């Protein structure tokens, strides 16, 4: 399991395999949250990446933009978890 040391300023370096699994690149924005005593890190996709991806079907998404954001975030988290599971030794 990758580790990072916390600096005096509270900063850490995200290990390369984690960055790759989440698709995090220099300049990206990440969301950091607490969940059950654990820290969760998630890449926040710029809306420019998603612009036009639904075309005229965007109005068909139940729950609107908030639901769409939640669904996308969950899908990215699942994909990252699957990539890490494949790449990490048992």
PDB file of N, CA and C in Angstrom:
ATOM      1  N   UNK A   1       0.851  -1.170   0.000  1.00  0.00           N
ATOM      2  CA  UNK A   1       0.000   0.000   0.000  1.00  0.00           C
ATOM      3  C   UNK A   1       0.897   1.235   0.000  1.00  0.00           C
ATOM      4  N   UNK A   2       0.645   2.173  -0.918  1.00  0.00           N
ATOM      5  CA  UNK A   2       1.482   3.369  -0.976  1.00  0.00           C
ATOM      6  C   UNK A   2       1.297   4.259   0.251  1.00  0.00           C
ATOM      7  N   UNK A   3       2.363   4.969   0.619  1.00  0.00           N
ATOM      8  CA  UNK A   3       2.295   5.884   1.758  1.00  0.00           C
ATOM      9  C   UNK A   3       2.858   7.238   1.350  1.00  0.00           C
ATOM     10  N   UNK A   4       2.517   8.260   2.127  1.00  0.00           N
ATOM     11  CA  UNK A   4       3.042   9.614   1.946  1.00  0.00           C
ATOM     12  C   UNK A   4       3.321  10.204   3.311  1.00  0.00           C
ATOM     13  N   UNK A   5       4.334  11.048   3.378  1.00  0.00           N
ATOM     14  CA  UNK A   5       4.676  11.730   4.625  1.00  0.00           C
ATOM     15  C   UNK A   5       4.044  13.115   4.608  1.00  0.00           C
ATOM     16  N   UNK A   6       3.469  13.525   5.719  1.00  0.00           N
ATOM     17  CA  UNK A   6       2.842  14.834   5.836  1.00  0.00           C
ATOM     18  C   UNK A   6       3.915  15.872   6.150  1.00  0.00           C
ATOM     19  N   UNK A   7       3.900  16.970   5.388  1.00  0.00           N
ATOM     20  CA  UNK A   7       4.873  18.042   5.621  1.00  0.00           C
ATOM     21  C   UNK A   7       4.408  18.928   6.769  1.00  0.00           C
ATOM     22  N   UNK A   8       5.266  19.848   7.171  1.00  0.00           N
ATOM     23  CA  UNK A   8       4.943  20.793   8.235  1.00  0.00           C
ATOM     24  C   UNK A   8       3.676  21.593   7.905  1.00  0.00           C
ATOM     25  N   UNK A   9       3.439  21.838   6.620  1.00  0.00           N
ATOM     26  CA  UNK A   9       2.270  22.604   6.180  1.00  0.00           C
ATOM     27  C   UNK A   9       1.030  21.729   5.990  1.00  0.00           C
ATOM     28  N   UNK A  10       1.127  20.450   6.327  1.00  0.00           N
ATOM     29  CA  UNK A  10      -0.014  19.547   6.187  1.00  0.00           C
ATOM     30  C   UNK A  10      -0.205  19.022   4.775  1.00  0.00           C
ATOM     31  N   UNK A  11       0.818  19.141   3.935  1.00  0.00           N
ATOM     32  CA  UNK A  11       0.721  18.686   2.556  1.00  0.00           C
ATOM     33  C   UNK A  11       1.247  17.266   2.413  1.00  0.00           C
ATOM     34  N   UNK A  12       0.702  16.556   1.420  1.00  0.00           N
ATOM     35  CA  UNK A  12       1.211  15.227   1.075  1.00  0.00           C
ATOM     36  C   UNK A  12       1.365  15.153  -0.439  1.00  0.00           C
ATOM     37  N   UNK A  13       2.164  14.201  -0.888  1.00  0.00           N
ATOM     38  CA  UNK A  13       2.272  13.899  -2.309  1.00  0.00           C
ATOM     39  C   UNK A  13       1.395  12.686  -2.572  1.00  0.00           C
ATOM     40  N   UNK A  14       0.557  12.784  -3.583  1.00  0.00           N
ATOM     41  CA  UNK A  14      -0.289  11.643  -3.947  1.00  0.00           C
ATOM     42  C   UNK A  14       0.584  10.676  -4.740  1.00  0.00           C
ATOM     43  N   UNK A  15       0.717   9.430  -4.275  1.00  0.00           N
ATOM     44  CA  UNK A  15       1.566   8.469  -4.983  1.00  0.00           C
ATOM     45  C   UNK A  15       1.138   8.291  -6.445  1.00  0.00           C
ATOM     46  N   UNK A  16       2.125   8.032  -7.291  1.00  0.00           N
ATOM     47  CA  UNK A  16       1.902   7.941  -8.731  1.00  0.00           C
ATOM     48  C   UNK A  16       0.795   6.955  -9.100  1.00  0.00           C
ATOM     49  N   UNK A  17       0.792   5.774  -8.501  1.00  0.00           N
ATOM     50  CA  UNK A  17      -0.223   4.784  -8.897  1.00  0.00           C
ATOM     51  C   UNK A  17      -1.638   5.238  -8.536  1.00  0.00           C
ATOM     52  N   UNK A  18      -1.770   6.026  -7.470  1.00  0.00           N
ATOM     53  CA  UNK A  18      -3.076   6.567  -7.096  1.00  0.00           C
ATOM     54  C   UNK A  18      -3.480   7.648  -8.094  1.00  0.00           C
ATOM     55  N   UNK A  19      -2.539   8.541  -8.434  1.00  0.00           N
ATOM     56  CA  UNK A  19      -2.831   9.586  -9.429  1.00  0.00           C
ATOM     57  C   UNK A  19      -3.251   8.967 -10.754  1.00  0.00           C
ATOM     58  N   UNK A  20      -2.547   7.938 -11.169  1.00  0.00           N
ATOM     59  CA  UNK A  20      -2.874   7.289 -12.440  1.00  0.00           C
ATOM     60  C   UNK A  20      -4.243   6.620 -12.383  1.00  0.00           C
ATOM     61  N   UNK A  21      -4.529   5.948 -11.273  1.00  0.00           N
ATOM     62  CA  UNK A  21      -5.816   5.258 -11.139  1.00  0.00           C
ATOM     63  C   UNK A  21      -6.988   6.229 -11.158  1.00  0.00           C
ATOM     64  N   UNK A  22      -6.786   7.414 -10.584  1.00  0.00           N
ATOM     65  CA  UNK A  22      -7.854   8.410 -10.541  1.00  0.00           C
ATOM     66  C   UNK A  22      -7.821   9.361 -11.733  1.00  0.00           C
ATOM     67  N   UNK A  23      -6.788   9.268 -12.545  1.00  0.00           N
ATOM     68  CA  UNK A  23      -6.668  10.160 -13.693  1.00  0.00           C
ATOM     69  C   UNK A  23      -6.319  11.587 -13.293  1.00  0.00           C
ATOM     70  N   UNK A  24      -5.592  11.744 -12.175  1.00  0.00           N
ATOM     71  CA  UNK A  24      -5.228  13.073 -11.677  1.00  0.00           C
ATOM     72  C   UNK A  24      -3.936  13.527 -12.350  1.00  0.00           C
ATOM     73  N   UNK A  25      -4.000  14.744 -12.912  1.00  0.00           N
ATOM     74  CA  UNK A  25      -2.827  15.339 -13.547  1.00  0.00           C
ATOM     75  C   UNK A  25      -2.548  16.701 -12.926  1.00  0.00           C
ATOM     76  N   UNK A  26      -1.380  17.242 -13.192  1.00  0.00           N
ATOM     77  CA  UNK A  26      -1.007  18.552 -12.678  1.00  0.00           C
ATOM     78  C   UNK A  26      -2.082  19.575 -13.029  1.00  0.00           C
ATOM     79  N   UNK A  27      -2.490  20.352 -12.041  1.00  0.00           N
ATOM     80  CA  UNK A  27      -3.493  21.391 -12.247  1.00  0.00           C
ATOM     81  C   UNK A  27      -4.918  20.931 -12.001  1.00  0.00           C
ATOM     82  N   UNK A  28      -5.143  19.617 -11.863  1.00  0.00           N
ATOM     83  CA  UNK A  28      -6.488  19.119 -11.595  1.00  0.00           C
ATOM     84  C   UNK A  28      -6.943  19.529 -10.198  1.00  0.00           C
ATOM     85  N   UNK A  29      -8.245  19.552 -10.010  1.00  0.00           N
ATOM     86  CA  UNK A  29      -8.837  19.827  -8.708  1.00  0.00           C
ATOM     87  C   UNK A  29      -9.275  18.495  -8.110  1.00  0.00           C
ATOM     88  N   UNK A  30      -8.990  18.307  -6.818  1.00  0.00           N
ATOM     89  CA  UNK A  30      -9.430  17.099  -6.134  1.00  0.00           C
ATOM     90  C   UNK A  30     -10.322  17.487  -4.962  1.00  0.00           C
ATOM     91  N   UNK A  31     -11.262  16.637  -4.669  1.00  0.00           N
ATOM     92  CA  UNK A  31     -12.155  16.820  -3.525  1.00  0.00           C
ATOM     93  C   UNK A  31     -11.658  15.916  -2.411  1.00  0.00           C
ATOM     94  N   UNK A  32     -11.544  16.464  -1.210  1.00  0.00           N
ATOM     95  CA  UNK A  32     -11.092  15.706  -0.050  1.00  0.00           C
ATOM     96  C   UNK A  32     -12.225  15.704   0.962  1.00  0.00           C
ATOM     97  N   UNK A  33     -12.607  14.506   1.437  1.00  0.00           N
ATOM     98  CA  UNK A  33     -13.707  14.423   2.401  1.00  0.00           C
ATOM     99  C   UNK A  33     -13.410  13.351   3.443  1.00  0.00           C
ATOM    100  N   UNK A  34     -14.135  13.424   4.560  1.00  0.00           N
ATOM    101  CA  UNK A  34     -14.045  12.418   5.619  1.00  0.00           C
ATOM    102  C   UNK A  34     -15.240  11.498   5.529  1.00  0.00           C
ATOM    103  N   UNK A  35     -14.998  10.212   5.655  1.00  0.00           N
ATOM    104  CA  UNK A  35     -16.073   9.222   5.614  1.00  0.00           C
ATOM    105  C   UNK A  35     -15.725   8.104   6.591  1.00  0.00           C
ATOM    106  N   UNK A  36     -16.420   8.072   7.708  1.00  0.00           N
ATOM    107  CA  UNK A  36     -16.194   6.998   8.672  1.00  0.00           C
ATOM    108  C   UNK A  36     -14.766   6.913   9.173  1.00  0.00           C
ATOM    109  N   UNK A  37     -14.144   8.047   9.463  1.00  0.00           N
ATOM    110  CA  UNK A  37     -12.784   8.040   9.976  1.00  0.00           C
ATOM    111  C   UNK A  37     -11.718   7.859   8.913  1.00  0.00           C
ATOM    112  N   UNK A  38     -12.100   7.884   7.646  1.00  0.00           N
ATOM    113  CA  UNK A  38     -11.155   7.747   6.541  1.00  0.00           C
ATOM    114  C   UNK A  38     -11.187   9.009   5.687  1.00  0.00           C
ATOM    115  N   UNK A  39     -10.092   9.292   5.058  1.00  0.00           N
ATOM    116  CA  UNK A  39     -10.030  10.409   4.124  1.00  0.00           C
ATOM    117  C   UNK A  39     -10.271   9.859   2.729  1.00  0.00           C
ATOM    118  N   UNK A  40     -11.170  10.492   1.994  1.00  0.00           N
ATOM    119  CA  UNK A  40     -11.432  10.101   0.618  1.00  0.00           C
ATOM    120  C   UNK A  40     -10.960  11.217  -0.301  1.00  0.00           C
ATOM    121  N   UNK A  41     -10.323  10.827  -1.378  1.00  0.00           N
ATOM    122  CA  UNK A  41      -9.805  11.765  -2.352  1.00  0.00           C
ATOM    123  C   UNK A  41     -10.444  11.431  -3.692  1.00  0.00           C
ATOM    124  N   UNK A  42     -10.964  12.465  -4.350  1.00  0.00           N
ATOM    125  CA  UNK A  42     -11.655  12.230  -5.617  1.00  0.00           C
ATOM    126  C   UNK A  42     -11.326  13.359  -6.586  1.00  0.00           C
ATOM    127  N   UNK A  43     -11.014  12.979  -7.815  1.00  0.00           N
ATOM    128  CA  UNK A  43     -10.756  13.971  -8.862  1.00  0.00           C
ATOM    129  C   UNK A  43     -12.083  14.627  -9.236  1.00  0.00           C
ATOM    130  N   UNK A  44     -12.060  15.944  -9.338  1.00  0.00           N
ATOM    131  CA  UNK A  44     -13.243  16.689  -9.761  1.00  0.00           C
ATOM    132  C   UNK A  44     -13.054  17.002 -11.238  1.00  0.00           C
ATOM    133  N   UNK A  45     -13.902  16.413 -12.067  1.00  0.00           N
ATOM    134  CA  UNK A  45     -13.779  16.626 -13.507  1.00  0.00           C
ATOM    135  C   UNK A  45     -14.250  18.025 -13.870  1.00  0.00           C
ATOM    136  N   UNK A  46     -13.458  18.718 -14.660  1.00  0.00           N
ATOM    137  CA  UNK A  46     -13.913  20.024 -15.136  1.00  0.00           C
ATOM    138  C   UNK A  46     -15.154  19.835 -16.015  1.00  0.00           C
ATOM    139  N   UNK A  47     -16.121  20.709 -15.853  1.00  0.00           N
ATOM    140  CA  UNK A  47     -17.359  20.571 -16.637  1.00  0.00           C
ATOM    141  C   UNK A  47     -17.071  20.700 -18.120  1.00  0.00           C
ATOM    142  N   UNK A  48     -15.943  21.309 -18.471  1.00  0.00           N
ATOM    143  CA  UNK A  48     -15.591  21.400 -19.886  1.00  0.00           C
ATOM    144  C   UNK A  48     -15.417  20.010 -20.501  1.00  0.00           C
ATOM    145  N   UNK A  49     -14.960  19.035 -19.681  1.00  0.00           N
ATOM    146  CA  UNK A  49     -14.802  17.660 -20.175  1.00  0.00           C
ATOM    147  C   UNK A  49     -16.152  17.027 -20.485  1.00  0.00           C
ATOM    148  N   UNK A  50     -17.167  17.450 -19.759  1.00  0.00           N
ATOM    149  CA  UNK A  50     -18.479  16.835 -19.896  1.00  0.00           C
ATOM    150  C   UNK A  50     -19.406  17.614 -20.815  1.00  0.00           C
ATOM    151  N   UNK A  51     -19.023  18.835 -21.166  1.00  0.00           N
ATOM    152  CA  UNK A  51     -19.898  19.700 -21.960  1.00  0.00           C
ATOM    153  C   UNK A  51     -20.313  19.009 -23.250  1.00  0.00           C
ATOM    154  N   UNK A  52     -21.590  18.988 -23.471  1.00  0.00           N
ATOM    155  CA  UNK A  52     -22.116  18.423 -24.696  1.00  0.00           C
ATOM    156  C   UNK A  52     -22.206  16.911 -24.712  1.00  0.00           C
ATOM    157  N   UNK A  53     -21.753  16.240 -23.667  1.00  0.00           N
ATOM    158  CA  UNK A  53     -21.746  14.781 -23.689  1.00  0.00           C
ATOM    159  C   UNK A  53     -23.145  14.186 -23.674  1.00  0.00           C
ATOM    160  N   UNK A  54     -24.106  14.928 -23.136  1.00  0.00           N
ATOM    161  CA  UNK A  54     -25.486  14.435 -23.127  1.00  0.00           C
ATOM    162  C   UNK A  54     -26.331  15.033 -24.249  1.00  0.00           C
ATOM    163  N   UNK A  55     -25.804  16.050 -24.902  1.00  0.00           N
ATOM    164  CA  UNK A  55     -26.547  16.677 -25.991  1.00  0.00           C
ATOM    165  C   UNK A  55     -27.915  17.136 -25.520  1.00  0.00           C
ATOM    166  N   UNK A  56     -28.939  16.853 -26.309  1.00  0.00           N
ATOM    167  CA  UNK A  56     -30.293  17.291 -25.959  1.00  0.00           C
ATOM    168  C   UNK A  56     -30.955  16.375 -24.934  1.00  0.00           C
ATOM    169  N   UNK A  57     -30.258  15.363 -24.445  1.00  0.00           N
ATOM    170  CA  UNK A  57     -30.828  14.432 -23.463  1.00  0.00           C
ATOM    171  C   UNK A  57     -30.576  14.865 -22.016  1.00  0.00           C
ATOM    172  N   UNK A  58     -29.852  15.967 -21.811  1.00  0.00           N
ATOM    173  CA  UNK A  58     -29.514  16.412 -20.464  1.00  0.00           C
ATOM    174  C   UNK A  58     -30.754  16.633 -19.611  1.00  0.00           C
ATOM    175  N   UNK A  59     -31.837  17.069 -20.215  1.00  0.00           N
ATOM    176  CA  UNK A  59     -33.067  17.323 -19.453  1.00  0.00           C
ATOM    177  C   UNK A  59     -33.724  16.035 -18.973  1.00  0.00           C
ATOM    178  N   UNK A  60     -33.287  14.888 -19.462  1.00  0.00           N
ATOM    179  CA  UNK A  60     -33.886  13.601 -19.088  1.00  0.00           C
ATOM    180  C   UNK A  60     -33.276  12.997 -17.830  1.00  0.00           C
ATOM    181  N   UNK A  61     -32.211  13.604 -17.303  1.00  0.00           N
ATOM    182  CA  UNK A  61     -31.543  13.061 -16.126  1.00  0.00           C
ATOM    183  C   UNK A  61     -32.396  13.340 -14.891  1.00  0.00           C
ATOM    184  N   UNK A  62     -32.922  12.278 -14.235  1.00  0.00           N
ATOM    185  CA  UNK A  62     -33.721  12.488 -13.019  1.00  0.00           C
ATOM    186  C   UNK A  62     -32.880  13.103 -11.912  1.00  0.00           C
ATOM    187  N   UNK A  63     -33.399  14.100 -11.247  1.00  0.00           N
ATOM    188  CA  UNK A  63     -32.683  14.723 -10.146  1.00  0.00           C
ATOM    189  C   UNK A  63     -31.814  15.892 -10.555  1.00  0.00           C
ATOM    190  N   UNK A  64     -31.679  16.127 -11.845  1.00  0.00           N
ATOM    191  CA  UNK A  64     -30.946  17.284 -12.326  1.00  0.00           C
ATOM    192  C   UNK A  64     -29.442  17.174 -12.172  1.00  0.00           C
ATOM    193  N   UNK A  65     -28.799  18.338 -12.131  1.00  0.00           N
ATOM    194  CA  UNK A  65     -27.339  18.413 -12.123  1.00  0.00           C
ATOM    195  C   UNK A  65     -26.715  17.743 -10.906  1.00  0.00           C
ATOM    196  N   UNK A  66     -27.347  17.905  -9.730  1.00  0.00           N
ATOM    197  CA  UNK A  66     -26.783  17.302  -8.516  1.00  0.00           C
ATOM    198  C   UNK A  66     -26.724  15.782  -8.635  1.00  0.00           C
ATOM    199  N   UNK A  67     -27.775  15.184  -9.158  1.00  0.00           N
ATOM    200  CA  UNK A  67     -27.799  13.728  -9.339  1.00  0.00           C
ATOM    201  C   UNK A  67     -26.754  13.298 -10.360  1.00  0.00           C
ATOM    202  N   UNK A  68     -26.612  14.091 -11.416  1.00  0.00           N
ATOM    203  CA  UNK A  68     -25.626  13.773 -12.447  1.00  0.00           C
ATOM    204  C   UNK A  68     -24.214  13.819 -11.879  1.00  0.00           C
ATOM    205  N   UNK A  69     -23.927  14.854 -11.080  1.00  0.00           N
ATOM    206  CA  UNK A  69     -22.606  14.957 -10.453  1.00  0.00           C
ATOM    207  C   UNK A  69     -22.342  13.763  -9.538  1.00  0.00           C
ATOM    208  N   UNK A  70     -23.325  13.379  -8.745  1.00  0.00           N
ATOM    209  CA  UNK A  70     -23.161  12.248  -7.830  1.00  0.00           C
ATOM    210  C   UNK A  70     -22.927  10.942  -8.568  1.00  0.00           C
ATOM    211  N   UNK A  71     -23.670  10.735  -9.632  1.00  0.00           N
ATOM    212  CA  UNK A  71     -23.523   9.517 -10.425  1.00  0.00           C
ATOM    213  C   UNK A  71     -22.143   9.458 -11.078  1.00  0.00           C
ATOM    214  N   UNK A  72     -21.699  10.590 -11.626  1.00  0.00           N
ATOM    215  CA  UNK A  72     -20.385  10.632 -12.260  1.00  0.00           C
ATOM    216  C   UNK A  72     -19.280  10.385 -11.239  1.00  0.00           C
ATOM    217  N   UNK A  73     -19.401  11.007 -10.070  1.00  0.00           N
ATOM    218  CA  UNK A  73     -18.388  10.831  -9.023  1.00  0.00           C
ATOM    219  C   UNK A  73     -18.321   9.371  -8.577  1.00  0.00           C
ATOM    220  N   UNK A  74     -19.471   8.744  -8.413  1.00  0.00           N
ATOM    221  CA  UNK A  74     -19.502   7.332  -8.002  1.00  0.00           C
ATOM    222  C   UNK A  74     -18.865   6.443  -9.065  1.00  0.00           C
ATOM    223  N   UNK A  75     -19.127   6.736 -10.329  1.00  0.00           N
ATOM    224  CA  UNK A  75     -18.546   5.937 -11.412  1.00  0.00           C
ATOM    225  C   UNK A  75     -17.028   6.079 -11.442  1.00  0.00           C
ATOM    226  N   UNK A  76     -16.529   7.319 -11.256  1.00  0.00           N
ATOM    227  CA  UNK A  76     -15.077   7.521 -11.231  1.00  0.00           C
ATOM    228  C   UNK A  76     -14.453   6.804 -10.040  1.00  0.00           C
ATOM    229  N   UNK A  77     -15.108   6.847  -8.900  1.00  0.00           N
ATOM    230  CA  UNK A  77     -14.589   6.173  -7.708  1.00  0.00           C
ATOM    231  C   UNK A  77     -14.529   4.662  -7.927  1.00  0.00           C
ATOM    232  N   UNK A  78     -15.578   4.107  -8.528  1.00  0.00           N
ATOM    233  CA  UNK A  78     -15.603   2.669  -8.816  1.00  0.00           C
ATOM    234  C   UNK A  78     -14.481   2.278  -9.773  1.00  0.00           C
ATOM    235  N   UNK A  79     -14.300   3.079 -10.817  1.00  0.00           N
ATOM    236  CA  UNK A  79     -13.249   2.785 -11.793  1.00  0.00           C
ATOM    237  C   UNK A  79     -11.869   2.854 -11.147  1.00  0.00           C
ATOM    238  N   UNK A  80     -11.646   3.864 -10.331  1.00  0.00           N
ATOM    239  CA  UNK A  80     -10.354   3.998  -9.654  1.00  0.00           C
ATOM    240  C   UNK A  80     -10.114   2.814  -8.723  1.00  0.00           C
ATOM    241  N   UNK A  81     -11.132   2.405  -8.004  1.00  0.00           N
ATOM    242  CA  UNK A  81     -11.004   1.276  -7.092  1.00  0.00           C
ATOM    243  C   UNK A  81     -10.670  -0.007  -7.860  1.00  0.00           C
ATOM    244  N   UNK A  82     -11.331  -0.212  -8.983  1.00  0.00           N
ATOM    245  CA  UNK A  82     -11.055  -1.391  -9.798  1.00  0.00           C
ATOM    246  C   UNK A  82      -9.617  -1.370 -10.325  1.00  0.00           C
ATOM    247  N   UNK A  83      -9.149  -0.198 -10.770  1.00  0.00           N
ATOM    248  CA  UNK A  83      -7.779  -0.093 -11.268  1.00  0.00           C
ATOM    249  C   UNK A  83      -6.779  -0.394 -10.163  1.00  0.00           C
ATOM    250  N   UNK A  84      -7.035   0.143  -8.969  1.00  0.00           N
ATOM    251  CA  UNK A  84      -6.121  -0.107  -7.851  1.00  0.00           C
ATOM    252  C   UNK A  84      -6.123  -1.574  -7.471  1.00  0.00           C
ATOM    253  N   UNK A  85      -7.290  -2.204  -7.446  1.00  0.00           N
ATOM    254  CA  UNK A  85      -7.374  -3.613  -7.100  1.00  0.00           C
ATOM    255  C   UNK A  85      -6.585  -4.467  -8.081  1.00  0.00           C
ATOM    256  N   UNK A  86      -6.617  -4.091  -9.361  1.00  0.00           N
ATOM    257  CA  UNK A  86      -5.876  -4.846 -10.387  1.00  0.00           C
ATOM    258  C   UNK A  86      -4.370  -4.636 -10.251  1.00  0.00           C
ATOM    259  N   UNK A  87      -3.974  -3.414  -9.891  1.00  0.00           N
ATOM    260  CA  UNK A  87      -2.560  -3.056  -9.901  1.00  0.00           C
ATOM    261  C   UNK A  87      -1.804  -3.366  -8.626  1.00  0.00           C
ATOM    262  N   UNK A  88      -2.507  -3.468  -7.510  1.00  0.00           N
ATOM    263  CA  UNK A  88      -1.827  -3.698  -6.231  1.00  0.00           C
ATOM    264  C   UNK A  88      -1.640  -5.191  -5.989  1.00  0.00           C
ATOM    265  N   UNK A  89      -0.483  -5.574  -5.447  1.00  0.00           N
ATOM    266  CA  UNK A  89      -0.270  -7.006  -5.147  1.00  0.00           C
ATOM    267  C   UNK A  89      -1.202  -7.464  -4.032  1.00  0.00           C
ATOM    268  N   UNK A  90      -1.584  -8.717  -4.105  1.00  0.00           N
ATOM    269  CA  UNK A  90      -2.517  -9.276  -3.114  1.00  0.00           C
ATOM    270  C   UNK A  90      -1.850  -9.528  -1.798  1.00  0.00           C
TER     271      UNK A  90
END
